[in-house]
Amino acid sequence: MPGLLRGVARTAVISGTATAVSNRVSRRQAGRWAQQDEARASWPTHEQPHEQTREQPYAPPPPAAVPMDAKISQLHELGRLRDQGVLTGEEFEEQKRRILAS
């Protein structure tokens, strides 16, 4: 039984110490956050940024143009598929328009 009491007492001391340290850290962090909030509250809020410093809306880059060599090879492939009977004449013309428009 004495070993059991010693283990329980040790656990209680360790738990109490951990709780005290945790509480102290929490209070210190809360104090730092309060100081930061006070500092932010003292910043002027009525000032507007200059026109030059305002963020510009994001504009995605224009799509990259497909090189002419790639278009030619795609057209050759389409012609081969049409000659083999895989594509109809209408499908060939539609795909050709898409390739040339890109």
PDB file of N, CA and C in Angstrom:
ATOM      1  N   MET A   1       0.799  -1.199   0.000  1.00  0.00           N
ATOM      2  CA  MET A   1       0.000   0.000   0.000  1.00  0.00           C
ATOM      3  C   MET A   1       0.846   1.269   0.000  1.00  0.00           C
ATOM      4  N   PRO A   2       2.000   1.306   0.684  1.00  0.00           N
ATOM      5  CA  PRO A   2       2.796   2.535   0.684  1.00  0.00           C
ATOM      6  C   PRO A   2       3.281   2.890  -0.716  1.00  0.00           C
ATOM      7  N   GLY A   3       3.567   1.883  -1.543  1.00  0.00           N
ATOM      8  CA  GLY A   3       4.004   2.163  -2.907  1.00  0.00           C
ATOM      9  C   GLY A   3       2.901   2.793  -3.726  1.00  0.00           C
ATOM     10  N   LEU A   4       1.675   2.358  -3.477  1.00  0.00           N
ATOM     11  CA  LEU A   4       0.529   2.903  -4.200  1.00  0.00           C
ATOM     12  C   LEU A   4       0.304   4.358  -3.813  1.00  0.00           C
ATOM     13  N   LEU A   5       0.393   4.668  -2.535  1.00  0.00           N
ATOM     14  CA  LEU A   5       0.214   6.057  -2.070  1.00  0.00           C
ATOM     15  C   LEU A   5       1.311   6.962  -2.620  1.00  0.00           C
ATOM     16  N   ARG A   6       2.526   6.434  -2.650  1.00  0.00           N
ATOM     17  CA  ARG A   6       3.637   7.225  -3.185  1.00  0.00           C
ATOM     18  C   ARG A   6       3.395   7.539  -4.664  1.00  0.00           C
ATOM     19  N   GLY A   7       2.910   6.560  -5.432  1.00  0.00           N
ATOM     20  CA  GLY A   7       2.624   6.770  -6.847  1.00  0.00           C
ATOM     21  C   GLY A   7       1.508   7.785  -7.061  1.00  0.00           C
ATOM     22  N   VAL A   8       0.466   7.685  -6.222  1.00  0.00           N
ATOM     23  CA  VAL A   8      -0.645   8.626  -6.318  1.00  0.00           C
ATOM     24  C   VAL A   8      -0.177  10.028  -5.950  1.00  0.00           C
ATOM     25  N   ALA A   9       0.634  10.142  -4.913  1.00  0.00           N
ATOM     26  CA  ALA A   9       1.134  11.452  -4.485  1.00  0.00           C
ATOM     27  C   ALA A   9       2.028  12.055  -5.558  1.00  0.00           C
ATOM     28  N   ARG A  10       2.880  11.238  -6.157  1.00  0.00           N
ATOM     29  CA  ARG A  10       3.754  11.733  -7.217  1.00  0.00           C
ATOM     30  C   ARG A  10       2.928  12.229  -8.408  1.00  0.00           C
ATOM     31  N   THR A  11       1.911  11.470  -8.788  1.00  0.00           N
ATOM     32  CA  THR A  11       1.038  11.862  -9.897  1.00  0.00           C
ATOM     33  C   THR A  11       0.337  13.176  -9.581  1.00  0.00           C
ATOM     34  N   ALA A  12      -0.117  13.341  -8.335  1.00  0.00           N
ATOM     35  CA  ALA A  12      -0.800  14.575  -7.939  1.00  0.00           C
ATOM     36  C   ALA A  12       0.145  15.768  -8.010  1.00  0.00           C
ATOM     37  N   VAL A  13       1.375  15.592  -7.583  1.00  0.00           N
ATOM     38  CA  VAL A  13       2.348  16.693  -7.627  1.00  0.00           C
ATOM     39  C   VAL A  13       2.661  17.062  -9.072  1.00  0.00           C
ATOM     40  N   ILE A  14       2.879  16.066  -9.900  1.00  0.00           N
ATOM     41  CA  ILE A  14       3.199  16.326 -11.311  1.00  0.00           C
ATOM     42  C   ILE A  14       2.021  17.007 -11.991  1.00  0.00           C
ATOM     43  N   SER A  15       0.813  16.520 -11.732  1.00  0.00           N
ATOM     44  CA  SER A  15      -0.379  17.105 -12.340  1.00  0.00           C
ATOM     45  C   SER A  15      -0.583  18.546 -11.875  1.00  0.00           C
ATOM     46  N   GLY A  16      -0.378  18.793 -10.594  1.00  0.00           N
ATOM     47  CA  GLY A  16      -0.531  20.155 -10.069  1.00  0.00           C
ATOM     48  C   GLY A  16       0.490  21.105 -10.666  1.00  0.00           C
ATOM     49  N   THR A  17       1.727  20.635 -10.814  1.00  0.00           N
ATOM     50  CA  THR A  17       2.776  21.462 -11.393  1.00  0.00           C
ATOM     51  C   THR A  17       2.459  21.770 -12.855  1.00  0.00           C
ATOM     52  N   ALA A  18       2.022  20.762 -13.579  1.00  0.00           N
ATOM     53  CA  ALA A  18       1.696  20.968 -14.988  1.00  0.00           C
ATOM     54  C   ALA A  18       0.540  21.945 -15.138  1.00  0.00           C
ATOM     55  N   THR A  19      -0.449  21.844 -14.276  1.00  0.00           N
ATOM     56  CA  THR A  19      -1.590  22.752 -14.327  1.00  0.00           C
ATOM     57  C   THR A  19      -1.156  24.182 -14.023  1.00  0.00           C
ATOM     58  N   ALA A  20      -0.313  24.348 -13.019  1.00  0.00           N
ATOM     59  CA  ALA A  20       0.156  25.691 -12.659  1.00  0.00           C
ATOM     60  C   ALA A  20       0.950  26.312 -13.798  1.00  0.00           C
ATOM     61  N   VAL A  21       1.831  25.541 -14.411  1.00  0.00           N
ATOM     62  CA  VAL A  21       2.635  26.055 -15.517  1.00  0.00           C
ATOM     63  C   VAL A  21       1.741  26.402 -16.702  1.00  0.00           C
ATOM     64  N   SER A  22       0.799  25.531 -17.014  1.00  0.00           N
ATOM     65  CA  SER A  22      -0.107  25.780 -18.126  1.00  0.00           C
ATOM     66  C   SER A  22      -0.922  27.050 -17.906  1.00  0.00           C
ATOM     67  N   ASN A  23      -1.418  27.231 -16.696  1.00  0.00           N
ATOM     68  CA  ASN A  23      -2.197  28.444 -16.392  1.00  0.00           C
ATOM     69  C   ASN A  23      -1.341  29.698 -16.516  1.00  0.00           C
ATOM     70  N   ARG A  24      -0.105  29.624 -16.045  1.00  0.00           N
ATOM     71  CA  ARG A  24       0.780  30.788 -16.121  1.00  0.00           C
ATOM     72  C   ARG A  24       1.080  31.143 -17.577  1.00  0.00           C
ATOM     73  N   VAL A  25       1.333  30.142 -18.400  1.00  0.00           N
ATOM     74  CA  VAL A  25       1.590  30.385 -19.819  1.00  0.00           C
ATOM     75  C   VAL A  25       0.356  30.986 -20.481  1.00  0.00           C
ATOM     76  N   SER A  26      -0.820  30.469 -20.157  1.00  0.00           N
ATOM     77  CA  SER A  26      -2.065  30.996 -20.739  1.00  0.00           C
ATOM     78  C   SER A  26      -2.282  32.452 -20.357  1.00  0.00           C
ATOM     79  N   ARG A  27      -2.048  32.788 -19.081  1.00  0.00           N
ATOM     80  CA  ARG A  27      -2.214  34.185 -18.648  1.00  0.00           C
ATOM     81  C   ARG A  27      -1.219  35.101 -19.341  1.00  0.00           C
ATOM     82  N   ARG A  28       0.030  34.638 -19.483  1.00  0.00           N
ATOM     83  CA  ARG A  28       1.047  35.457 -20.140  1.00  0.00           C
ATOM     84  C   ARG A  28       0.676  35.697 -21.603  1.00  0.00           C
ATOM     85  N   GLN A  29       0.214  34.649 -22.286  1.00  0.00           N
ATOM     86  CA  GLN A  29      -0.171  34.797 -23.685  1.00  0.00           C
ATOM     87  C   GLN A  29      -1.381  35.709 -23.822  1.00  0.00           C
ATOM     88  N   ALA A  30      -2.344  35.591 -22.916  1.00  0.00           N
ATOM     89  CA  ALA A  30      -3.520  36.464 -22.956  1.00  0.00           C
ATOM     90  C   ALA A  30      -3.115  37.920 -22.758  1.00  0.00           C
ATOM     91  N   GLY A  31      -2.143  38.140 -21.890  1.00  0.00           N
ATOM     92  CA  GLY A  31      -1.648  39.506 -21.681  1.00  0.00           C
ATOM     93  C   GLY A  31      -0.980  40.059 -22.929  1.00  0.00           C
ATOM     94  N   ARG A  32      -0.214  39.237 -23.615  1.00  0.00           N
ATOM     95  CA  ARG A  32       0.431  39.685 -24.847  1.00  0.00           C
ATOM     96  C   ARG A  32      -0.603  40.012 -25.918  1.00  0.00           C
ATOM     97  N   TRP A  33      -1.621  39.158 -26.037  1.00  0.00           N
ATOM     98  CA  TRP A  33      -2.661  39.405 -27.028  1.00  0.00           C
ATOM     99  C   TRP A  33      -3.420  40.693 -26.706  1.00  0.00           C
ATOM    100  N   ALA A  34      -3.651  40.943 -25.410  1.00  0.00           N
ATOM    101  CA  ALA A  34      -4.343  42.170 -25.022  1.00  0.00           C
ATOM    102  C   ALA A  34      -3.504  43.396 -25.388  1.00  0.00           C
ATOM    103  N   GLN A  35      -2.196  43.316 -25.181  1.00  0.00           N
ATOM    104  CA  GLN A  35      -1.324  44.434 -25.555  1.00  0.00           C
ATOM    105  C   GLN A  35      -1.344  44.660 -27.058  1.00  0.00           C
ATOM    106  N   GLN A  36      -1.329  43.596 -27.827  1.00  0.00           N
ATOM    107  CA  GLN A  36      -1.380  43.730 -29.280  1.00  0.00           C
ATOM    108  C   GLN A  36      -2.707  44.341 -29.719  1.00  0.00           C
ATOM    109  N   ASP A  37      -3.804  43.911 -29.085  1.00  0.00           N
ATOM    110  CA  ASP A  37      -5.114  44.479 -29.421  1.00  0.00           C
ATOM    111  C   ASP A  37      -5.169  45.972 -29.104  1.00  0.00           C
ATOM    112  N   GLU A  38      -4.591  46.360 -27.964  1.00  0.00           N
ATOM    113  CA  GLU A  38      -4.566  47.783 -27.610  1.00  0.00           C
ATOM    114  C   GLU A  38      -3.738  48.575 -28.617  1.00  0.00           C
ATOM    115  N   ALA A  39      -2.615  48.011 -29.034  1.00  0.00           N
ATOM    116  CA  ALA A  39      -1.764  48.700 -30.005  1.00  0.00           C
ATOM    117  C   ALA A  39      -2.493  48.848 -31.336  1.00  0.00           C
ATOM    118  N   ARG A  40      -3.216  47.821 -31.745  1.00  0.00           N
ATOM    119  CA  ARG A  40      -3.971  47.899 -32.999  1.00  0.00           C
ATOM    120  C   ARG A  40      -5.106  48.908 -32.900  1.00  0.00           C
ATOM    121  N   ALA A  41      -5.700  49.009 -31.721  1.00  0.00           N
ATOM    122  CA  ALA A  41      -6.812  49.943 -31.537  1.00  0.00           C
ATOM    123  C   ALA A  41      -6.341  51.387 -31.657  1.00  0.00           C
ATOM    124  N   SER A  42      -5.077  51.631 -31.379  1.00  0.00           N
ATOM    125  CA  SER A  42      -4.575  53.008 -31.448  1.00  0.00           C
ATOM    126  C   SER A  42      -4.180  53.413 -32.865  1.00  0.00           C
ATOM    127  N   TRP A  43      -4.181  52.488 -33.805  1.00  0.00           N
ATOM    128  CA  TRP A  43      -3.859  52.823 -35.190  1.00  0.00           C
ATOM    129  C   TRP A  43      -4.976  53.659 -35.780  1.00  0.00           C
ATOM    130  N   PRO A  44      -4.622  54.638 -36.605  1.00  0.00           N
ATOM    131  CA  PRO A  44      -5.677  55.443 -37.238  1.00  0.00           C
ATOM    132  C   PRO A  44      -6.451  54.596 -38.248  1.00  0.00           C
ATOM    133  N   THR A  45      -7.769  54.697 -38.183  1.00  0.00           N
ATOM    134  CA  THR A  45      -8.604  53.900 -39.086  1.00  0.00           C
ATOM    135  C   THR A  45      -9.225  54.743 -40.185  1.00  0.00           C
ATOM    136  N   HIS A  46      -9.128  56.049 -40.080  1.00  0.00           N
ATOM    137  CA  HIS A  46      -9.775  56.918 -41.053  1.00  0.00           C
ATOM    138  C   HIS A  46      -8.939  57.135 -42.309  1.00  0.00           C
ATOM    139  N   GLU A  47      -7.678  56.751 -42.269  1.00  0.00           N
ATOM    140  CA  GLU A  47      -6.815  56.975 -43.425  1.00  0.00           C
ATOM    141  C   GLU A  47      -7.069  55.918 -44.490  1.00  0.00           C
ATOM    142  N   GLN A  48      -7.147  56.350 -45.710  1.00  0.00           N
ATOM    143  CA  GLN A  48      -7.317  55.445 -46.835  1.00  0.00           C
ATOM    144  C   GLN A  48      -5.971  55.288 -47.529  1.00  0.00           C
ATOM    145  N   PRO A  49      -5.668  54.120 -48.049  1.00  0.00           N
ATOM    146  CA  PRO A  49      -4.397  53.959 -48.768  1.00  0.00           C
ATOM    147  C   PRO A  49      -4.395  54.798 -50.039  1.00  0.00           C
ATOM    148  N   HIS A  50      -3.214  55.178 -50.440  1.00  0.00           N
ATOM    149  CA  HIS A  50      -3.079  55.958 -51.664  1.00  0.00           C
ATOM    150  C   HIS A  50      -3.525  55.130 -52.857  1.00  0.00           C
ATOM    151  N   GLU A  51      -3.884  55.793 -53.920  1.00  0.00           N
ATOM    152  CA  GLU A  51      -4.329  55.102 -55.131  1.00  0.00           C
ATOM    153  C   GLU A  51      -3.273  54.127 -55.639  1.00  0.00           C
ATOM    154  N   GLN A  52      -2.017  54.493 -55.507  1.00  0.00           N
ATOM    155  CA  GLN A  52      -0.953  53.659 -56.047  1.00  0.00           C
ATOM    156  C   GLN A  52      -0.752  52.387 -55.229  1.00  0.00           C
ATOM    157  N   THR A  53      -1.102  52.403 -53.941  1.00  0.00           N
ATOM    158  CA  THR A  53      -0.839  51.252 -53.089  1.00  0.00           C
ATOM    159  C   THR A  53      -2.018  50.300 -52.989  1.00  0.00           C
ATOM    160  N   ARG A  54      -3.150  50.634 -53.563  1.00  0.00           N
ATOM    161  CA  ARG A  54      -4.285  49.720 -53.510  1.00  0.00           C
ATOM    162  C   ARG A  54      -3.984  48.478 -54.331  1.00  0.00           C
ATOM    163  N   GLU A  55      -4.478  47.371 -53.830  1.00  0.00           N
ATOM    164  CA  GLU A  55      -4.251  46.116 -54.545  1.00  0.00           C
ATOM    165  C   GLU A  55      -5.064  46.087 -55.822  1.00  0.00           C
ATOM    166  N   GLN A  56      -4.436  45.618 -56.844  1.00  0.00           N
ATOM    167  CA  GLN A  56      -5.109  45.464 -58.120  1.00  0.00           C
ATOM    168  C   GLN A  56      -5.771  44.090 -58.138  1.00  0.00           C
ATOM    169  N   PRO A  57      -6.942  43.965 -58.735  1.00  0.00           N
ATOM    170  CA  PRO A  57      -7.572  42.648 -58.812  1.00  0.00           C
ATOM    171  C   PRO A  57      -6.717  41.695 -59.642  1.00  0.00           C
ATOM    172  N   TYR A  58      -6.760  40.444 -59.264  1.00  0.00           N
ATOM    173  CA  TYR A  58      -5.963  39.429 -59.953  1.00  0.00           C
ATOM    174  C   TYR A  58      -6.522  39.195 -61.351  1.00  0.00           C
ATOM    175  N   ALA A  59      -5.657  39.256 -62.311  1.00  0.00           N
ATOM    176  CA  ALA A  59      -6.046  38.962 -63.688  1.00  0.00           C
ATOM    177  C   ALA A  59      -5.242  37.750 -64.143  1.00  0.00           C
ATOM    178  N   PRO A  60      -5.911  36.675 -64.521  1.00  0.00           N
ATOM    179  CA  PRO A  60      -5.156  35.495 -64.947  1.00  0.00           C
ATOM    180  C   PRO A  60      -4.390  35.795 -66.225  1.00  0.00           C
ATOM    181  N   PRO A  61      -3.247  35.151 -66.385  1.00  0.00           N
ATOM    182  CA  PRO A  61      -2.470  35.388 -67.601  1.00  0.00           C
ATOM    183  C   PRO A  61      -3.236  34.883 -68.819  1.00  0.00           C
ATOM    184  N   PRO A  62      -2.994  35.501 -69.963  1.00  0.00           N
ATOM    185  CA  PRO A  62      -3.696  35.044 -71.166  1.00  0.00           C
ATOM    186  C   PRO A  62      -3.250  33.624 -71.500  1.00  0.00           C
ATOM    187  N   PRO A  63      -4.132  32.843 -72.119  1.00  0.00           N
ATOM    188  CA  PRO A  63      -3.740  31.475 -72.456  1.00  0.00           C
ATOM    189  C   PRO A  63      -2.584  31.474 -73.441  1.00  0.00           C
ATOM    190  N   ALA A  64      -1.721  30.521 -73.251  1.00  0.00           N
ATOM    191  CA  ALA A  64      -0.551  30.428 -74.120  1.00  0.00           C
ATOM    192  C   ALA A  64      -0.995  30.009 -75.524  1.00  0.00           C
ATOM    193  N   ALA A  65      -0.425  30.670 -76.492  1.00  0.00           N
ATOM    194  CA  ALA A  65      -0.762  30.352 -77.881  1.00  0.00           C
ATOM    195  C   ALA A  65      -0.110  29.030 -78.259  1.00  0.00           C
ATOM    196  N   VAL A  66      -0.854  28.212 -78.980  1.00  0.00           N
ATOM    197  CA  VAL A  66      -0.322  26.933 -79.441  1.00  0.00           C
ATOM    198  C   VAL A  66       0.578  27.221 -80.637  1.00  0.00           C
ATOM    199  N   PRO A  67       1.802  26.722 -80.626  1.00  0.00           N
ATOM    200  CA  PRO A  67       2.710  26.969 -81.746  1.00  0.00           C
ATOM    201  C   PRO A  67       2.136  26.398 -83.050  1.00  0.00           C
ATOM    202  N   MET A  68       2.478  27.027 -84.151  1.00  0.00           N
ATOM    203  CA  MET A  68       1.959  26.625 -85.456  1.00  0.00           C
ATOM    204  C   MET A  68       2.358  25.185 -85.790  1.00  0.00           C
ATOM    205  N   ASP A  69       3.562  24.767 -85.384  1.00  0.00           N
ATOM    206  CA  ASP A  69       3.990  23.391 -85.654  1.00  0.00           C
ATOM    207  C   ASP A  69       3.046  22.384 -84.992  1.00  0.00           C
ATOM    208  N   ALA A  70       2.617  22.676 -83.786  1.00  0.00           N
ATOM    209  CA  ALA A  70       1.698  21.778 -83.089  1.00  0.00           C
ATOM    210  C   ALA A  70       0.353  21.735 -83.799  1.00  0.00           C
ATOM    211  N   LYS A  71      -0.111  22.892 -84.269  1.00  0.00           N
ATOM    212  CA  LYS A  71      -1.383  22.929 -84.990  1.00  0.00           C
ATOM    213  C   LYS A  71      -1.305  22.111 -86.273  1.00  0.00           C
ATOM    214  N   ILE A  72      -0.199  22.248 -86.985  1.00  0.00           N
ATOM    215  CA  ILE A  72      -0.033  21.506 -88.236  1.00  0.00           C
ATOM    216  C   ILE A  72      -0.024  20.001 -87.981  1.00  0.00           C
ATOM    217  N   SER A  73       0.680  19.586 -86.931  1.00  0.00           N
ATOM    218  CA  SER A  73       0.720  18.149 -86.639  1.00  0.00           C
ATOM    219  C   SER A  73      -0.654  17.641 -86.213  1.00  0.00           C
ATOM    220  N   GLN A  74      -1.427  18.459 -85.482  1.00  0.00           N
ATOM    221  CA  GLN A  74      -2.784  18.057 -85.115  1.00  0.00           C
ATOM    222  C   GLN A  74      -3.673  17.938 -86.355  1.00  0.00           C
ATOM    223  N   LEU A  75      -3.508  18.862 -87.295  1.00  0.00           N
ATOM    224  CA  LEU A  75      -4.297  18.800 -88.529  1.00  0.00           C
ATOM    225  C   LEU A  75      -3.934  17.570 -89.349  1.00  0.00           C
ATOM    226  N   HIS A  76      -2.642  17.218 -89.399  1.00  0.00           N
ATOM    227  CA  HIS A  76      -2.222  16.011 -90.107  1.00  0.00           C
ATOM    228  C   HIS A  76      -2.858  14.778 -89.468  1.00  0.00           C
ATOM    229  N   GLU A  77      -2.869  14.749 -88.138  1.00  0.00           N
ATOM    230  CA  GLU A  77      -3.469  13.621 -87.420  1.00  0.00           C
ATOM    231  C   GLU A  77      -4.970  13.537 -87.712  1.00  0.00           C
ATOM    232  N   LEU A  78      -5.631  14.697 -87.713  1.00  0.00           N
ATOM    233  CA  LEU A  78      -7.060  14.716 -88.048  1.00  0.00           C
ATOM    234  C   LEU A  78      -7.303  14.185 -89.460  1.00  0.00           C
ATOM    235  N   GLY A  79      -6.493  14.610 -90.401  1.00  0.00           N
ATOM    236  CA  GLY A  79      -6.628  14.135 -91.776  1.00  0.00           C
ATOM    237  C   GLY A  79      -6.434  12.629 -91.870  1.00  0.00           C
ATOM    238  N   ARG A  80      -5.478  12.102 -91.127  1.00  0.00           N
ATOM    239  CA  ARG A  80      -5.233  10.664 -91.116  1.00  0.00           C
ATOM    240  C   ARG A  80      -6.446   9.923 -90.555  1.00  0.00           C
ATOM    241  N   LEU A  81      -7.026  10.463 -89.452  1.00  0.00           N
ATOM    242  CA  LEU A  81      -8.207   9.835 -88.859  1.00  0.00           C
ATOM    243  C   LEU A  81      -9.405   9.883 -89.818  1.00  0.00           C
ATOM    244  N   ARG A  82      -9.533  10.997 -90.557  1.00  0.00           N
ATOM    245  CA  ARG A  82     -10.621  11.109 -91.539  1.00  0.00           C
ATOM    246  C   ARG A  82     -10.429  10.093 -92.668  1.00  0.00           C
ATOM    247  N   ASP A  83      -9.184   9.950 -93.136  1.00  0.00           N
ATOM    248  CA  ASP A  83      -8.897   9.013 -94.216  1.00  0.00           C
ATOM    249  C   ASP A  83      -9.135   7.563 -93.788  1.00  0.00           C
ATOM    250  N   GLN A  84      -8.928   7.266 -92.514  1.00  0.00           N
ATOM    251  CA  GLN A  84      -9.150   5.917 -92.009  1.00  0.00           C
ATOM    252  C   GLN A  84     -10.627   5.642 -91.741  1.00  0.00           C
ATOM    253  N   GLY A  85     -11.461   6.677 -91.787  1.00  0.00           N
ATOM    254  CA  GLY A  85     -12.886   6.511 -91.534  1.00  0.00           C
ATOM    255  C   GLY A  85     -13.281   6.653 -90.081  1.00  0.00           C
ATOM    256  N   VAL A  86     -12.337   7.052 -89.239  1.00  0.00           N
ATOM    257  CA  VAL A  86     -12.642   7.238 -87.815  1.00  0.00           C
ATOM    258  C   VAL A  86     -13.490   8.481 -87.625  1.00  0.00           C
ATOM    259  N   LEU A  87     -13.192   9.536 -88.376  1.00  0.00           N
ATOM    260  CA  LEU A  87     -13.939  10.793 -88.302  1.00  0.00           C
ATOM    261  C   LEU A  87     -14.747  10.988 -89.578  1.00  0.00           C
ATOM    262  N   THR A  88     -15.930  11.572 -89.414  1.00  0.00           N
ATOM    263  CA  THR A  88     -16.715  11.955 -90.593  1.00  0.00           C
ATOM    264  C   THR A  88     -16.185  13.298 -91.092  1.00  0.00           C
ATOM    265  N   GLY A  89     -16.644  13.697 -92.262  1.00  0.00           N
ATOM    266  CA  GLY A  89     -16.236  14.992 -92.814  1.00  0.00           C
ATOM    267  C   GLY A  89     -16.649  16.142 -91.919  1.00  0.00           C
ATOM    268  N   GLU A  90     -17.862  16.052 -91.331  1.00  0.00           N
ATOM    269  CA  GLU A  90     -18.334  17.127 -90.435  1.00  0.00           C
ATOM    270  C   GLU A  90     -17.494  17.190 -89.167  1.00  0.00           C
ATOM    271  N   GLU A  91     -17.165  16.018 -88.582  1.00  0.00           N
ATOM    272  CA  GLU A  91     -16.336  15.993 -87.381  1.00  0.00           C
ATOM    273  C   GLU A  91     -14.950  16.553 -87.685  1.00  0.00           C
ATOM    274  N   PHE A  92     -14.417  16.187 -88.849  1.00  0.00           N
ATOM    275  CA  PHE A  92     -13.113  16.700 -89.251  1.00  0.00           C
ATOM    276  C   PHE A  92     -13.134  18.221 -89.337  1.00  0.00           C
ATOM    277  N   GLU A  93     -14.163  18.785 -89.993  1.00  0.00           N
ATOM    278  CA  GLU A  93     -14.255  20.239 -90.144  1.00  0.00           C
ATOM    279  C   GLU A  93     -14.400  20.931 -88.792  1.00  0.00           C
ATOM    280  N   GLU A  94     -15.199  20.350 -87.882  1.00  0.00           N
ATOM    281  CA  GLU A  94     -15.390  20.941 -86.553  1.00  0.00           C
ATOM    282  C   GLU A  94     -14.080  20.965 -85.772  1.00  0.00           C
ATOM    283  N   GLN A  95     -13.375  19.848 -85.781  1.00  0.00           N
ATOM    284  CA  GLN A  95     -12.100  19.778 -85.067  1.00  0.00           C
ATOM    285  C   GLN A  95     -11.066  20.710 -85.691  1.00  0.00           C
ATOM    286  N   LYS A  96     -11.083  20.811 -86.999  1.00  0.00           N
ATOM    287  CA  LYS A  96     -10.154  21.707 -87.700  1.00  0.00           C
ATOM    288  C   LYS A  96     -10.415  23.153 -87.273  1.00  0.00           C
ATOM    289  N   ARG A  97     -11.702  23.535 -87.186  1.00  0.00           N
ATOM    290  CA  ARG A  97     -12.033  24.906 -86.742  1.00  0.00           C
ATOM    291  C   ARG A  97     -11.517  25.147 -85.314  1.00  0.00           C
ATOM    292  N   ARG A  98     -11.694  24.168 -84.443  1.00  0.00           N
ATOM    293  CA  ARG A  98     -11.218  24.324 -83.051  1.00  0.00           C
ATOM    294  C   ARG A  98      -9.711  24.503 -82.997  1.00  0.00           C
ATOM    295  N   ILE A  99      -9.003  23.689 -83.764  1.00  0.00           N
ATOM    296  CA  ILE A  99      -7.539  23.775 -83.761  1.00  0.00           C
ATOM    297  C   ILE A  99      -7.070  25.129 -84.295  1.00  0.00           C
ATOM    298  N   LEU A 100      -7.655  25.568 -85.367  1.00  0.00           N
ATOM    299  CA  LEU A 100      -7.220  26.839 -85.980  1.00  0.00           C
ATOM    300  C   LEU A 100      -7.636  28.032 -85.126  1.00  0.00           C
ATOM    301  N   ALA A 101      -8.709  27.895 -84.340  1.00  0.00           N
ATOM    302  CA  ALA A 101      -9.150  28.998 -83.480  1.00  0.00           C
ATOM    303  C   ALA A 101      -8.288  29.134 -82.238  1.00  0.00           C
ATOM    304  N   SER A 102      -7.587  28.075 -81.861  1.00  0.00           N
ATOM    305  CA  SER A 102      -6.787  28.142 -80.626  1.00  0.00           C
ATOM    306  C   SER A 102      -5.475  28.855 -80.830  1.00  0.00           C
TER     307      SER A 102
END
